[in-house]
């Protein structure tokens, strides 16, 4: 039986779950509500880096990502500019990007990732 490790957990959710050789980082948003998707994306990716580090890995282990944008036609290019600079050469995960109504109107981007432990 595989152990399940939960990082930064509470009654509602865990920020990170390690199970079955995978690391799941739940959807992350920016605490900086700047009206600029590049700023928010950079802050989200910084948070993801920190959670991957807590799980003992880094972004070279990413296998999948889900990106939600509040306005895909306005913010897709800006988000991709920051994303492309963040993903290590040759280590791009599979990715889906969609438009969605996020939890608060000031949020422009949310990202969740899965990586190999």
N, C-alpha and C. Protein backbone atom coordinates (compact mmCIF):
# COMPACT_ATOMS: atom_id res chain seq x y z
N UNK A 1 0.83 -1.17 0.00
CA UNK A 1 0.00 0.00 0.00
C UNK A 1 0.88 1.25 0.00
N UNK A 2 0.53 2.20 -0.82
CA UNK A 2 1.30 3.43 -0.95
C UNK A 2 0.91 4.43 0.13
N UNK A 3 1.91 5.04 0.74
CA UNK A 3 1.65 6.09 1.71
C UNK A 3 1.17 7.34 0.99
N UNK A 4 0.34 8.08 1.67
CA UNK A 4 -0.11 9.38 1.17
C UNK A 4 0.44 10.44 2.11
N UNK A 5 1.14 11.41 1.54
CA UNK A 5 1.70 12.52 2.31
C UNK A 5 0.98 13.79 1.90
N UNK A 6 0.47 14.50 2.90
CA UNK A 6 -0.23 15.76 2.63
C UNK A 6 0.59 16.91 3.21
N UNK A 7 0.76 17.96 2.41
CA UNK A 7 1.55 19.13 2.80
C UNK A 7 0.62 20.34 2.84
N UNK A 8 0.73 21.10 3.93
CA UNK A 8 -0.13 22.27 4.14
C UNK A 8 -1.59 21.89 3.97
N UNK A 9 -2.04 21.05 4.88
CA UNK A 9 -3.39 20.53 4.80
C UNK A 9 -4.28 21.15 5.87
N UNK A 10 -5.57 21.22 5.56
CA UNK A 10 -6.56 21.66 6.53
C UNK A 10 -7.83 20.85 6.29
N UNK A 11 -8.91 21.23 6.94
CA UNK A 11 -10.16 20.49 6.82
C UNK A 11 -10.68 20.44 5.38
N UNK A 12 -10.43 21.51 4.62
CA UNK A 12 -10.99 21.62 3.28
C UNK A 12 -10.11 20.99 2.20
N UNK A 13 -8.78 21.20 2.31
CA UNK A 13 -7.91 20.74 1.23
C UNK A 13 -6.46 20.69 1.67
N UNK A 14 -5.67 20.05 0.84
CA UNK A 14 -4.22 20.05 1.00
C UNK A 14 -3.64 20.82 -0.18
N UNK A 15 -2.60 21.61 0.08
CA UNK A 15 -1.94 22.33 -1.02
C UNK A 15 -1.20 21.35 -1.91
N UNK A 16 -0.61 20.31 -1.29
CA UNK A 16 0.17 19.31 -2.03
C UNK A 16 -0.17 17.93 -1.47
N UNK A 17 -0.29 16.95 -2.37
CA UNK A 17 -0.46 15.57 -1.96
C UNK A 17 0.54 14.73 -2.75
N UNK A 18 1.31 13.92 -2.02
CA UNK A 18 2.23 12.96 -2.65
C UNK A 18 1.62 11.57 -2.48
N UNK A 19 1.42 10.87 -3.60
CA UNK A 19 0.83 9.53 -3.56
C UNK A 19 1.15 8.79 -4.85
N UNK A 20 1.43 7.52 -4.73
CA UNK A 20 1.63 6.69 -5.91
C UNK A 20 2.74 7.18 -6.83
N UNK A 21 3.78 7.77 -6.27
CA UNK A 21 4.89 8.25 -7.08
C UNK A 21 4.64 9.58 -7.77
N UNK A 22 3.51 10.21 -7.44
CA UNK A 22 3.17 11.50 -8.04
C UNK A 22 3.05 12.58 -6.97
N UNK A 23 3.21 13.82 -7.40
CA UNK A 23 3.01 14.99 -6.55
C UNK A 23 1.94 15.85 -7.20
N UNK A 24 0.88 16.10 -6.48
CA UNK A 24 -0.23 16.91 -6.97
C UNK A 24 -0.21 18.25 -6.24
N UNK A 25 -0.07 19.33 -6.98
CA UNK A 25 -0.14 20.67 -6.41
C UNK A 25 -1.48 21.26 -6.83
N UNK A 26 -2.33 21.53 -5.85
CA UNK A 26 -3.66 22.05 -6.14
C UNK A 26 -3.61 23.43 -6.78
N UNK A 27 -4.72 23.87 -7.30
CA UNK A 27 -4.80 25.15 -7.99
C UNK A 27 -4.28 26.30 -7.14
N UNK A 28 -3.37 27.07 -7.71
CA UNK A 28 -2.75 28.20 -7.01
C UNK A 28 -3.12 29.51 -7.70
N UNK A 29 -3.38 30.51 -6.88
CA UNK A 29 -3.64 31.86 -7.39
C UNK A 29 -2.65 32.82 -6.75
N UNK A 30 -2.60 34.01 -7.26
CA UNK A 30 -1.67 35.02 -6.78
C UNK A 30 -2.26 35.79 -5.61
N UNK A 31 -1.44 36.03 -4.58
CA UNK A 31 -1.85 36.90 -3.48
C UNK A 31 -1.75 38.37 -3.91
N UNK A 32 -0.97 38.63 -4.96
CA UNK A 32 -0.84 39.97 -5.54
C UNK A 32 -1.94 40.10 -6.60
N UNK A 33 -2.91 40.93 -6.32
CA UNK A 33 -4.04 41.06 -7.24
C UNK A 33 -3.83 42.18 -8.26
N UNK A 34 -2.58 42.35 -8.67
CA UNK A 34 -2.28 43.33 -9.72
C UNK A 34 -3.12 43.01 -10.95
N UNK A 35 -3.57 44.05 -11.66
CA UNK A 35 -4.40 43.81 -12.85
C UNK A 35 -3.56 43.43 -14.07
N UNK A 36 -2.52 42.66 -13.86
CA UNK A 36 -1.59 42.25 -14.93
C UNK A 36 -1.38 40.75 -14.83
N UNK A 37 -1.76 40.02 -15.87
CA UNK A 37 -1.65 38.56 -15.83
C UNK A 37 -0.21 38.10 -15.72
N UNK A 38 0.74 38.87 -16.24
CA UNK A 38 2.15 38.47 -16.14
C UNK A 38 2.60 38.47 -14.68
N UNK A 39 2.22 39.50 -13.94
CA UNK A 39 2.57 39.57 -12.52
C UNK A 39 1.92 38.42 -11.76
N UNK A 40 0.62 38.23 -12.00
CA UNK A 40 -0.08 37.16 -11.29
C UNK A 40 0.48 35.79 -11.66
N UNK A 41 0.78 35.56 -12.92
CA UNK A 41 1.34 34.26 -13.33
C UNK A 41 2.69 34.03 -12.66
N UNK A 42 3.54 35.03 -12.63
CA UNK A 42 4.85 34.88 -11.99
C UNK A 42 4.70 34.54 -10.51
N UNK A 43 3.75 35.18 -9.82
CA UNK A 43 3.52 34.90 -8.40
C UNK A 43 3.01 33.47 -8.20
N UNK A 44 2.11 33.03 -9.06
CA UNK A 44 1.59 31.66 -8.98
C UNK A 44 2.72 30.65 -9.18
N UNK A 45 3.55 30.89 -10.17
CA UNK A 45 4.65 29.95 -10.45
C UNK A 45 5.68 29.94 -9.32
N UNK A 46 5.89 31.07 -8.67
CA UNK A 46 6.75 31.10 -7.48
C UNK A 46 6.17 30.22 -6.38
N UNK A 47 4.86 30.29 -6.17
CA UNK A 47 4.21 29.44 -5.17
C UNK A 47 4.37 27.97 -5.53
N UNK A 48 4.19 27.66 -6.80
CA UNK A 48 4.32 26.26 -7.23
C UNK A 48 5.75 25.78 -7.00
N UNK A 49 6.74 26.61 -7.33
CA UNK A 49 8.13 26.24 -7.06
C UNK A 49 8.32 25.91 -5.58
N UNK A 50 7.76 26.72 -4.70
CA UNK A 50 7.89 26.48 -3.27
C UNK A 50 7.24 25.18 -2.84
N UNK A 51 6.08 24.88 -3.38
CA UNK A 51 5.41 23.63 -3.03
C UNK A 51 6.15 22.42 -3.59
N UNK A 52 6.69 22.54 -4.79
CA UNK A 52 7.49 21.43 -5.34
C UNK A 52 8.72 21.19 -4.46
N UNK A 53 9.34 22.27 -4.00
CA UNK A 53 10.50 22.14 -3.12
C UNK A 53 10.12 21.43 -1.82
N UNK A 54 8.97 21.79 -1.25
CA UNK A 54 8.50 21.13 -0.03
C UNK A 54 8.28 19.64 -0.26
N UNK A 55 7.93 19.29 -1.50
CA UNK A 55 7.72 17.88 -1.85
C UNK A 55 9.02 17.18 -2.23
N UNK A 56 10.13 17.93 -2.25
CA UNK A 56 11.43 17.35 -2.55
C UNK A 56 11.77 17.22 -4.01
N UNK A 57 11.10 17.99 -4.86
CA UNK A 57 11.36 17.93 -6.30
C UNK A 57 11.42 19.34 -6.86
N UNK A 58 11.58 19.44 -8.18
CA UNK A 58 11.55 20.75 -8.84
C UNK A 58 10.74 20.66 -10.13
N UNK A 59 10.67 21.76 -10.85
CA UNK A 59 9.80 21.82 -12.03
C UNK A 59 10.24 20.93 -13.19
N UNK A 60 11.45 20.38 -13.15
CA UNK A 60 11.86 19.44 -14.20
C UNK A 60 11.07 18.14 -14.12
N UNK A 61 10.34 17.92 -13.02
CA UNK A 61 9.58 16.69 -12.81
C UNK A 61 8.10 16.83 -13.21
N UNK A 62 7.71 18.00 -13.71
CA UNK A 62 6.31 18.22 -14.10
C UNK A 62 5.88 17.28 -15.22
N UNK A 63 4.67 16.76 -15.09
CA UNK A 63 4.11 15.92 -16.16
C UNK A 63 2.80 16.47 -16.71
N UNK A 64 2.12 17.32 -15.92
CA UNK A 64 0.83 17.84 -16.38
C UNK A 64 0.55 19.18 -15.70
N UNK A 65 -0.15 20.05 -16.40
CA UNK A 65 -0.56 21.34 -15.84
C UNK A 65 -1.95 21.70 -16.36
N UNK A 66 -2.70 22.34 -15.49
CA UNK A 66 -3.99 22.89 -15.87
C UNK A 66 -3.95 24.38 -15.55
N UNK A 67 -4.32 25.19 -16.53
CA UNK A 67 -4.30 26.64 -16.37
C UNK A 67 -5.71 27.16 -16.63
N UNK A 68 -6.18 27.99 -15.71
CA UNK A 68 -7.47 28.65 -15.86
C UNK A 68 -7.23 30.14 -15.94
N UNK A 69 -7.79 30.77 -16.96
CA UNK A 69 -7.68 32.22 -17.14
C UNK A 69 -9.07 32.83 -17.07
N UNK A 70 -9.19 33.98 -16.42
CA UNK A 70 -10.50 34.63 -16.34
C UNK A 70 -10.92 35.23 -17.68
N UNK A 71 -9.92 35.60 -18.51
CA UNK A 71 -10.20 36.14 -19.85
C UNK A 71 -9.12 35.63 -20.80
N UNK A 72 -9.39 34.52 -21.45
CA UNK A 72 -8.37 33.86 -22.27
C UNK A 72 -7.95 34.71 -23.48
N UNK A 73 -8.89 35.44 -24.07
CA UNK A 73 -8.52 36.23 -25.25
C UNK A 73 -7.60 37.40 -24.87
N UNK A 74 -7.77 37.95 -23.69
CA UNK A 74 -6.94 39.07 -23.24
C UNK A 74 -5.60 38.58 -22.65
N UNK A 75 -5.59 37.47 -21.94
CA UNK A 75 -4.45 37.11 -21.09
C UNK A 75 -3.63 35.91 -21.54
N UNK A 76 -4.05 35.21 -22.57
CA UNK A 76 -3.34 33.99 -22.99
C UNK A 76 -1.89 34.27 -23.35
N UNK A 77 -1.64 35.29 -24.16
CA UNK A 77 -0.27 35.57 -24.60
C UNK A 77 0.62 35.99 -23.43
N UNK A 78 0.11 36.84 -22.55
CA UNK A 78 0.91 37.29 -21.41
C UNK A 78 1.24 36.16 -20.46
N UNK A 79 0.25 35.32 -20.17
CA UNK A 79 0.49 34.16 -19.31
C UNK A 79 1.54 33.26 -19.95
N UNK A 80 1.40 33.00 -21.26
CA UNK A 80 2.36 32.12 -21.95
C UNK A 80 3.77 32.69 -21.93
N UNK A 81 3.92 33.99 -22.00
CA UNK A 81 5.25 34.59 -21.97
C UNK A 81 5.97 34.24 -20.66
N UNK A 82 5.26 34.36 -19.55
CA UNK A 82 5.84 34.04 -18.25
C UNK A 82 6.02 32.53 -18.11
N UNK A 83 5.02 31.77 -18.50
CA UNK A 83 5.08 30.31 -18.44
C UNK A 83 6.28 29.77 -19.22
N UNK A 84 6.44 30.24 -20.46
CA UNK A 84 7.52 29.73 -21.32
C UNK A 84 8.90 30.01 -20.74
N UNK A 85 9.06 31.14 -20.06
CA UNK A 85 10.34 31.45 -19.43
C UNK A 85 10.57 30.60 -18.18
N UNK A 86 9.50 30.12 -17.56
CA UNK A 86 9.58 29.35 -16.32
C UNK A 86 9.84 27.86 -16.56
N UNK A 87 9.26 27.30 -17.61
CA UNK A 87 9.39 25.86 -17.86
C UNK A 87 10.82 25.56 -18.35
N UNK A 88 11.52 24.62 -17.69
CA UNK A 88 12.88 24.29 -18.12
C UNK A 88 12.89 23.72 -19.54
N UNK A 89 13.91 24.08 -20.29
CA UNK A 89 14.08 23.58 -21.66
C UNK A 89 13.97 22.06 -21.68
N UNK A 90 13.12 21.54 -22.55
CA UNK A 90 12.97 20.10 -22.71
C UNK A 90 12.12 19.43 -21.64
N UNK A 91 11.50 20.20 -20.74
CA UNK A 91 10.73 19.62 -19.63
C UNK A 91 9.27 20.07 -19.62
N UNK A 92 8.75 20.50 -20.74
CA UNK A 92 7.37 20.99 -20.77
C UNK A 92 6.39 19.86 -20.47
N UNK A 93 5.48 20.09 -19.53
CA UNK A 93 4.46 19.08 -19.23
C UNK A 93 3.32 19.15 -20.25
N UNK A 94 2.44 18.16 -20.22
CA UNK A 94 1.19 18.32 -20.96
C UNK A 94 0.46 19.48 -20.29
N UNK A 95 -0.39 20.17 -21.05
CA UNK A 95 -1.06 21.32 -20.46
C UNK A 95 -2.40 21.57 -21.12
N UNK A 96 -3.36 21.95 -20.33
CA UNK A 96 -4.64 22.43 -20.83
C UNK A 96 -4.84 23.83 -20.28
N UNK A 97 -5.33 24.73 -21.12
CA UNK A 97 -5.62 26.10 -20.70
C UNK A 97 -7.03 26.44 -21.14
N UNK A 98 -7.84 26.90 -20.17
CA UNK A 98 -9.23 27.23 -20.47
C UNK A 98 -9.61 28.54 -19.80
N UNK A 99 -10.69 29.11 -20.25
CA UNK A 99 -11.26 30.28 -19.61
C UNK A 99 -12.25 29.81 -18.56
N UNK A 100 -12.22 30.46 -17.39
CA UNK A 100 -13.13 30.08 -16.32
C UNK A 100 -13.41 31.28 -15.42
N UNK A 101 -14.54 31.24 -14.78
CA UNK A 101 -14.84 32.25 -13.76
C UNK A 101 -14.11 31.80 -12.50
N UNK A 102 -13.14 32.60 -12.05
CA UNK A 102 -12.34 32.23 -10.89
C UNK A 102 -13.03 32.67 -9.60
N UNK A 103 -12.46 32.29 -8.46
CA UNK A 103 -13.11 32.48 -7.16
C UNK A 103 -13.35 33.94 -6.79
N UNK A 104 -12.56 34.86 -7.33
CA UNK A 104 -12.73 36.29 -7.05
C UNK A 104 -12.49 37.07 -8.34
N UNK A 105 -13.16 38.18 -8.53
CA UNK A 105 -13.04 38.90 -9.80
C UNK A 105 -11.64 39.45 -10.07
N UNK A 106 -10.85 39.70 -9.04
CA UNK A 106 -9.50 40.23 -9.25
C UNK A 106 -8.48 39.15 -9.65
N UNK A 107 -8.87 37.89 -9.55
CA UNK A 107 -7.96 36.81 -9.95
C UNK A 107 -8.01 36.64 -11.46
N UNK A 108 -6.83 36.58 -12.07
CA UNK A 108 -6.73 36.46 -13.52
C UNK A 108 -6.29 35.08 -13.97
N UNK A 109 -5.58 34.34 -13.09
CA UNK A 109 -5.02 33.05 -13.47
C UNK A 109 -4.97 32.12 -12.27
N UNK A 110 -5.19 30.85 -12.52
CA UNK A 110 -5.03 29.79 -11.52
C UNK A 110 -4.34 28.63 -12.22
N UNK A 111 -3.39 28.00 -11.53
CA UNK A 111 -2.63 26.90 -12.13
C UNK A 111 -2.50 25.75 -11.14
N UNK A 112 -2.72 24.53 -11.61
CA UNK A 112 -2.49 23.30 -10.84
C UNK A 112 -1.53 22.43 -11.65
N UNK A 113 -0.66 21.70 -10.96
CA UNK A 113 0.29 20.84 -11.65
C UNK A 113 0.38 19.46 -11.00
N UNK A 114 0.85 18.52 -11.80
CA UNK A 114 1.17 17.17 -11.33
C UNK A 114 2.59 16.89 -11.76
N UNK A 115 3.36 16.26 -10.86
CA UNK A 115 4.76 15.96 -11.16
C UNK A 115 5.10 14.56 -10.65
N UNK A 116 6.19 14.02 -11.15
CA UNK A 116 6.70 12.75 -10.65
C UNK A 116 7.51 13.02 -9.39
N UNK A 117 7.31 12.18 -8.40
CA UNK A 117 8.05 12.34 -7.12
C UNK A 117 9.50 11.96 -7.32
